[in-house]
């Protein structure tokens, strides 16, 4: 039995060696390196190819908003708020909770008030100085832009400009004015 196993192993060794020699005659080292290089470049280019974001667009489409409960994520001022509204954390829609301070930088959004059907510019500022309260976590991204449009992106850590602390407890939504008048 061992003799047959040795013969099979020798036969397999010769077959692999012959195949490797044929491949080496047909495809040189440069050809191999060229293919490996093309594969590396190809994998680097794949993230730059366009991809379908239609589900994200549907998820970010404007939804029905309400004007009654500032503790709820569907409160109209929170159309571009990503995080915890300060109204859930001991503050108000436009007031930081005690012991925190508003971030020196903020992001903006344009939200429609369901009561008067007008569009308002809303400035979102993180309240810094305490750990997140995690009472009600909202992720509304209407009009959110990629990270290279910093003032329109809600996914940035906005307390970085404050001296006192880098923690963001919650977010306020301050009405800046009417969007129609700001465009004039």
C-alpha atoms as a PDB file:
ATOM      1  CA  UNK A   1       0.000   0.000   0.000  1.00  0.00           C
ATOM      2  CA  UNK A   2       2.862   2.376   0.814  1.00  0.00           C
ATOM      3  CA  UNK A   3       4.392   1.618  -2.567  1.00  0.00           C
ATOM      4  CA  UNK A   4       1.188   2.693  -4.357  1.00  0.00           C
ATOM      5  CA  UNK A   5       1.019   5.850  -2.227  1.00  0.00           C
ATOM      6  CA  UNK A   6       4.627   6.689  -3.121  1.00  0.00           C
ATOM      7  CA  UNK A   7       3.908   6.124  -6.814  1.00  0.00           C
ATOM      8  CA  UNK A   8       0.814   8.364  -6.624  1.00  0.00           C
ATOM      9  CA  UNK A   9       2.829  11.061  -4.836  1.00  0.00           C
ATOM     10  CA  UNK A  10       5.608  10.882  -7.432  1.00  0.00           C
ATOM     11  CA  UNK A  11       3.050  11.053 -10.241  1.00  0.00           C
ATOM     12  CA  UNK A  12       1.368  14.066  -8.629  1.00  0.00           C
ATOM     13  CA  UNK A  13       4.752  15.764  -8.064  1.00  0.00           C
ATOM     14  CA  UNK A  14       5.686  15.290 -11.730  1.00  0.00           C
ATOM     15  CA  UNK A  15       2.302  16.591 -12.915  1.00  0.00           C
ATOM     16  CA  UNK A  16       2.560  19.742 -10.767  1.00  0.00           C
ATOM     17  CA  UNK A  17       6.197  20.277 -11.817  1.00  0.00           C
ATOM     18  CA  UNK A  18       5.327  19.887 -15.527  1.00  0.00           C
ATOM     19  CA  UNK A  19       2.394  22.316 -15.207  1.00  0.00           C
ATOM     20  CA  UNK A  20       4.559  24.861 -13.369  1.00  0.00           C
ATOM     21  CA  UNK A  21       7.268  24.619 -16.034  1.00  0.00           C
ATOM     22  CA  UNK A  22       4.721  25.105 -18.854  1.00  0.00           C
ATOM     23  CA  UNK A  23       3.249  28.133 -17.048  1.00  0.00           C
ATOM     24  CA  UNK A  24       6.736  29.549 -16.496  1.00  0.00           C
ATOM     25  CA  UNK A  25       7.497  29.222 -20.232  1.00  0.00           C
ATOM     26  CA  UNK A  26       4.254  30.926 -21.234  1.00  0.00           C
ATOM     27  CA  UNK A  27       4.003  33.509 -18.441  1.00  0.00           C
ATOM     28  CA  UNK A  28       7.190  35.133 -17.205  1.00  0.00           C
ATOM     29  CA  UNK A  29       7.838  36.905 -13.906  1.00  0.00           C
ATOM     30  CA  UNK A  30       7.140  40.271 -15.491  1.00  0.00           C
ATOM     31  CA  UNK A  31       3.763  39.056 -16.674  1.00  0.00           C
ATOM     32  CA  UNK A  32       2.978  37.818 -13.171  1.00  0.00           C
ATOM     33  CA  UNK A  33       4.106  41.106 -11.586  1.00  0.00           C
ATOM     34  CA  UNK A  34       2.073  43.035 -14.141  1.00  0.00           C
ATOM     35  CA  UNK A  35      -1.063  41.081 -13.237  1.00  0.00           C
ATOM     36  CA  UNK A  36      -0.452  41.509  -9.505  1.00  0.00           C
ATOM     37  CA  UNK A  37       0.062  45.257 -10.015  1.00  0.00           C
ATOM     38  CA  UNK A  38      -3.133  45.525 -12.060  1.00  0.00           C
ATOM     39  CA  UNK A  39      -5.038  43.676  -9.347  1.00  0.00           C
ATOM     40  CA  UNK A  40      -3.686  46.026  -6.656  1.00  0.00           C
ATOM     41  CA  UNK A  41      -4.572  49.132  -8.673  1.00  0.00           C
ATOM     42  CA  UNK A  42      -7.975  47.662  -9.466  1.00  0.00           C
ATOM     43  CA  UNK A  43      -8.777  47.084  -5.817  1.00  0.00           C
ATOM     44  CA  UNK A  44      -7.703  50.651  -5.008  1.00  0.00           C
ATOM     45  CA  UNK A  45     -10.069  52.021  -7.679  1.00  0.00           C
ATOM     46  CA  UNK A  46     -13.129  50.009  -6.617  1.00  0.00           C
ATOM     47  CA  UNK A  47     -14.151  52.420  -3.795  1.00  0.00           C
ATOM     48  CA  UNK A  48     -14.193  55.282  -6.307  1.00  0.00           C
ATOM     49  CA  UNK A  49     -16.733  53.605  -8.566  1.00  0.00           C
ATOM     50  CA  UNK A  50     -20.310  54.899  -8.391  1.00  0.00           C
ATOM     51  CA  UNK A  51     -22.747  52.879  -6.336  1.00  0.00           C
ATOM     52  CA  UNK A  52     -26.475  52.897  -5.745  1.00  0.00           C
ATOM     53  CA  UNK A  53     -27.531  55.254  -2.943  1.00  0.00           C
ATOM     54  CA  UNK A  54     -31.232  55.277  -3.771  1.00  0.00           C
ATOM     55  CA  UNK A  55     -32.118  53.634  -0.447  1.00  0.00           C
ATOM     56  CA  UNK A  56     -30.299  56.409   1.442  1.00  0.00           C
ATOM     57  CA  UNK A  57     -32.157  59.013  -0.601  1.00  0.00           C
ATOM     58  CA  UNK A  58     -35.505  57.405   0.250  1.00  0.00           C
ATOM     59  CA  UNK A  59     -34.538  57.217   3.924  1.00  0.00           C
ATOM     60  CA  UNK A  60     -33.528  60.888   3.947  1.00  0.00           C
ATOM     61  CA  UNK A  61     -36.667  62.048   2.142  1.00  0.00           C
ATOM     62  CA  UNK A  62     -38.693  64.589   4.122  1.00  0.00           C
ATOM     63  CA  UNK A  63     -41.179  62.899   6.406  1.00  0.00           C
ATOM     64  CA  UNK A  64     -44.175  64.207   8.251  1.00  0.00           C
ATOM     65  CA  UNK A  65     -43.103  66.517  11.054  1.00  0.00           C
ATOM     66  CA  UNK A  66     -45.012  67.730  14.088  1.00  0.00           C
ATOM     67  CA  UNK A  67     -44.943  70.979  16.076  1.00  0.00           C
ATOM     68  CA  UNK A  68     -46.155  69.751  19.481  1.00  0.00           C
ATOM     69  CA  UNK A  69     -43.543  67.591  21.213  1.00  0.00           C
ATOM     70  CA  UNK A  70     -39.906  68.822  21.222  1.00  0.00           C
ATOM     71  CA  UNK A  71     -38.891  65.549  22.944  1.00  0.00           C
ATOM     72  CA  UNK A  72     -39.771  63.514  19.836  1.00  0.00           C
ATOM     73  CA  UNK A  73     -37.432  62.953  16.897  1.00  0.00           C
ATOM     74  CA  UNK A  74     -40.108  64.021  14.405  1.00  0.00           C
ATOM     75  CA  UNK A  75     -40.258  67.551  15.902  1.00  0.00           C
ATOM     76  CA  UNK A  76     -39.990  69.858  12.894  1.00  0.00           C
ATOM     77  CA  UNK A  77     -36.816  71.690  14.010  1.00  0.00           C
ATOM     78  CA  UNK A  78     -34.933  68.384  14.166  1.00  0.00           C
ATOM     79  CA  UNK A  79     -35.066  67.653  10.408  1.00  0.00           C
ATOM     80  CA  UNK A  80     -31.226  67.643  10.226  1.00  0.00           C
ATOM     81  CA  UNK A  81     -30.402  66.742  13.821  1.00  0.00           C
ATOM     82  CA  UNK A  82     -28.224  63.732  14.427  1.00  0.00           C
ATOM     83  CA  UNK A  83     -27.853  62.957  18.128  1.00  0.00           C
ATOM     84  CA  UNK A  84     -29.816  63.606  21.301  1.00  0.00           C
ATOM     85  CA  UNK A  85     -32.095  66.679  21.351  1.00  0.00           C
ATOM     86  CA  UNK A  86     -31.415  68.786  24.462  1.00  0.00           C
ATOM     87  CA  UNK A  87     -35.151  68.886  25.177  1.00  0.00           C
ATOM     88  CA  UNK A  88     -34.776  65.205  26.226  1.00  0.00           C
ATOM     89  CA  UNK A  89     -31.750  65.957  28.421  1.00  0.00           C
ATOM     90  CA  UNK A  90     -32.911  68.741  30.747  1.00  0.00           C
ATOM     91  CA  UNK A  91     -32.623  71.637  28.301  1.00  0.00           C
ATOM     92  CA  UNK A  92     -34.943  72.872  25.593  1.00  0.00           C
ATOM     93  CA  UNK A  93     -35.099  72.870  21.802  1.00  0.00           C
ATOM     94  CA  UNK A  94     -32.834  75.938  21.805  1.00  0.00           C
ATOM     95  CA  UNK A  95     -31.372  75.870  25.349  1.00  0.00           C
ATOM     96  CA  UNK A  96     -28.457  73.782  26.620  1.00  0.00           C
ATOM     97  CA  UNK A  97     -28.933  71.868  29.892  1.00  0.00           C
ATOM     98  CA  UNK A  98     -27.329  73.323  33.028  1.00  0.00           C
ATOM     99  CA  UNK A  99     -23.592  72.654  33.262  1.00  0.00           C
ATOM    100  CA  UNK A 100     -23.046  72.574  29.495  1.00  0.00           C
ATOM    101  CA  UNK A 101     -22.120  75.201  26.937  1.00  0.00           C
ATOM    102  CA  UNK A 102     -22.968  75.404  23.221  1.00  0.00           C
ATOM    103  CA  UNK A 103     -20.239  74.452  20.766  1.00  0.00           C
ATOM    104  CA  UNK A 104     -18.473  77.349  19.076  1.00  0.00           C
ATOM    105  CA  UNK A 105     -19.136  75.801  15.667  1.00  0.00           C
ATOM    106  CA  UNK A 106     -22.366  74.340  14.356  1.00  0.00           C
ATOM    107  CA  UNK A 107     -24.088  72.943  11.295  1.00  0.00           C
ATOM    108  CA  UNK A 108     -27.179  74.249   9.545  1.00  0.00           C
ATOM    109  CA  UNK A 109     -30.365  72.877   8.077  1.00  0.00           C
ATOM    110  CA  UNK A 110     -33.527  74.144   6.426  1.00  0.00           C
ATOM    111  CA  UNK A 111     -36.678  72.769   8.022  1.00  0.00           C
ATOM    112  CA  UNK A 112     -40.333  73.292   7.165  1.00  0.00           C
ATOM    113  CA  UNK A 113     -42.665  74.256  10.005  1.00  0.00           C
ATOM    114  CA  UNK A 114     -45.866  72.210   9.582  1.00  0.00           C
ATOM    115  CA  UNK A 115     -47.955  74.938  11.223  1.00  0.00           C
ATOM    116  CA  UNK A 116     -47.211  77.807   8.806  1.00  0.00           C
ATOM    117  CA  UNK A 117     -45.664  75.717   5.948  1.00  0.00           C
ATOM    118  CA  UNK A 118     -42.645  78.063   5.815  1.00  0.00           C
ATOM    119  CA  UNK A 119     -39.012  76.992   5.624  1.00  0.00           C
ATOM    120  CA  UNK A 120     -36.670  78.148   8.402  1.00  0.00           C
ATOM    121  CA  UNK A 121     -32.894  78.150   8.729  1.00  0.00           C
ATOM    122  CA  UNK A 122     -32.008  76.118  11.803  1.00  0.00           C
ATOM    123  CA  UNK A 123     -28.569  76.179  13.421  1.00  0.00           C
ATOM    124  CA  UNK A 124     -27.632  72.993  15.270  1.00  0.00           C
ATOM    125  CA  UNK A 125     -25.066  73.260  18.047  1.00  0.00           C
ATOM    126  CA  UNK A 126     -23.854  70.531  20.363  1.00  0.00           C
ATOM    127  CA  UNK A 127     -23.966  71.294  24.069  1.00  0.00           C
ATOM    128  CA  UNK A 128     -20.541  70.418  25.420  1.00  0.00           C
ATOM    129  CA  UNK A 129     -19.137  69.574  28.820  1.00  0.00           C
ATOM    130  CA  UNK A 130     -20.942  66.411  29.944  1.00  0.00           C
ATOM    131  CA  UNK A 131     -21.278  62.863  28.672  1.00  0.00           C
ATOM    132  CA  UNK A 132     -24.148  62.180  26.242  1.00  0.00           C
ATOM    133  CA  UNK A 133     -27.466  61.733  28.030  1.00  0.00           C
ATOM    134  CA  UNK A 134     -28.700  59.066  25.552  1.00  0.00           C
ATOM    135  CA  UNK A 135     -32.368  59.691  26.374  1.00  0.00           C
ATOM    136  CA  UNK A 136     -33.706  59.879  22.832  1.00  0.00           C
ATOM    137  CA  UNK A 137     -31.362  59.335  19.923  1.00  0.00           C
ATOM    138  CA  UNK A 138     -32.442  60.898  16.630  1.00  0.00           C
ATOM    139  CA  UNK A 139     -30.818  60.434  13.255  1.00  0.00           C
ATOM    140  CA  UNK A 140     -32.424  62.863  10.822  1.00  0.00           C
ATOM    141  CA  UNK A 141     -30.270  63.632   7.805  1.00  0.00           C
ATOM    142  CA  UNK A 142     -32.444  65.788   5.534  1.00  0.00           C
ATOM    143  CA  UNK A 143     -30.089  67.943   3.489  1.00  0.00           C
ATOM    144  CA  UNK A 144     -26.996  66.410   5.099  1.00  0.00           C
ATOM    145  CA  UNK A 145     -23.900  66.756   2.937  1.00  0.00           C
ATOM    146  CA  UNK A 146     -20.634  64.742   2.831  1.00  0.00           C
ATOM    147  CA  UNK A 147     -17.794  65.553   5.215  1.00  0.00           C
ATOM    148  CA  UNK A 148     -16.098  67.905   2.768  1.00  0.00           C
ATOM    149  CA  UNK A 149     -19.052  70.320   3.178  1.00  0.00           C
ATOM    150  CA  UNK A 150     -18.370  70.732   6.894  1.00  0.00           C
ATOM    151  CA  UNK A 151     -21.094  73.257   7.685  1.00  0.00           C
ATOM    152  CA  UNK A 152     -23.780  70.946   6.264  1.00  0.00           C
ATOM    153  CA  UNK A 153     -22.645  67.676   7.838  1.00  0.00           C
ATOM    154  CA  UNK A 154     -24.138  66.489  11.124  1.00  0.00           C
ATOM    155  CA  UNK A 155     -21.669  63.648  11.643  1.00  0.00           C
ATOM    156  CA  UNK A 156     -18.766  65.826  12.813  1.00  0.00           C
ATOM    157  CA  UNK A 157     -17.714  66.104  16.457  1.00  0.00           C
ATOM    158  CA  UNK A 158     -18.585  69.789  16.930  1.00  0.00           C
ATOM    159  CA  UNK A 159     -17.265  70.255  20.515  1.00  0.00           C
ATOM    160  CA  UNK A 160     -13.708  70.144  19.207  1.00  0.00           C
ATOM    161  CA  UNK A 161     -13.536  73.958  19.123  1.00  0.00           C
ATOM    162  CA  UNK A 162     -14.471  74.412  22.788  1.00  0.00           C
ATOM    163  CA  UNK A 163     -11.784  74.739  25.434  1.00  0.00           C
ATOM    164  CA  UNK A 164     -13.635  73.213  28.372  1.00  0.00           C
ATOM    165  CA  UNK A 165     -14.493  69.734  27.140  1.00  0.00           C
ATOM    166  CA  UNK A 166     -14.671  67.555  24.115  1.00  0.00           C
ATOM    167  CA  UNK A 167     -17.828  65.714  25.219  1.00  0.00           C
ATOM    168  CA  UNK A 168     -21.110  66.457  23.451  1.00  0.00           C
ATOM    169  CA  UNK A 169     -24.112  65.881  25.699  1.00  0.00           C
ATOM    170  CA  UNK A 170     -26.940  66.837  23.338  1.00  0.00           C
ATOM    171  CA  UNK A 171     -27.870  69.154  20.455  1.00  0.00           C
ATOM    172  CA  UNK A 172     -29.957  72.336  20.319  1.00  0.00           C
ATOM    173  CA  UNK A 173     -31.892  73.523  17.262  1.00  0.00           C
ATOM    174  CA  UNK A 174     -31.949  77.325  17.138  1.00  0.00           C
ATOM    175  CA  UNK A 175     -34.103  79.072  14.524  1.00  0.00           C
ATOM    176  CA  UNK A 176     -31.923  81.606  12.712  1.00  0.00           C
ATOM    177  CA  UNK A 177     -34.578  83.044  10.397  1.00  0.00           C
ATOM    178  CA  UNK A 178     -36.721  82.361   7.377  1.00  0.00           C
ATOM    179  CA  UNK A 179     -34.940  80.545   4.580  1.00  0.00           C
ATOM    180  CA  UNK A 180     -36.685  82.631   1.914  1.00  0.00           C
ATOM    181  CA  UNK A 181     -35.423  85.895   3.425  1.00  0.00           C
ATOM    182  CA  UNK A 182     -31.873  84.527   3.864  1.00  0.00           C
ATOM    183  CA  UNK A 183     -31.668  83.834   0.108  1.00  0.00           C
ATOM    184  CA  UNK A 184     -32.349  87.499  -0.771  1.00  0.00           C
END
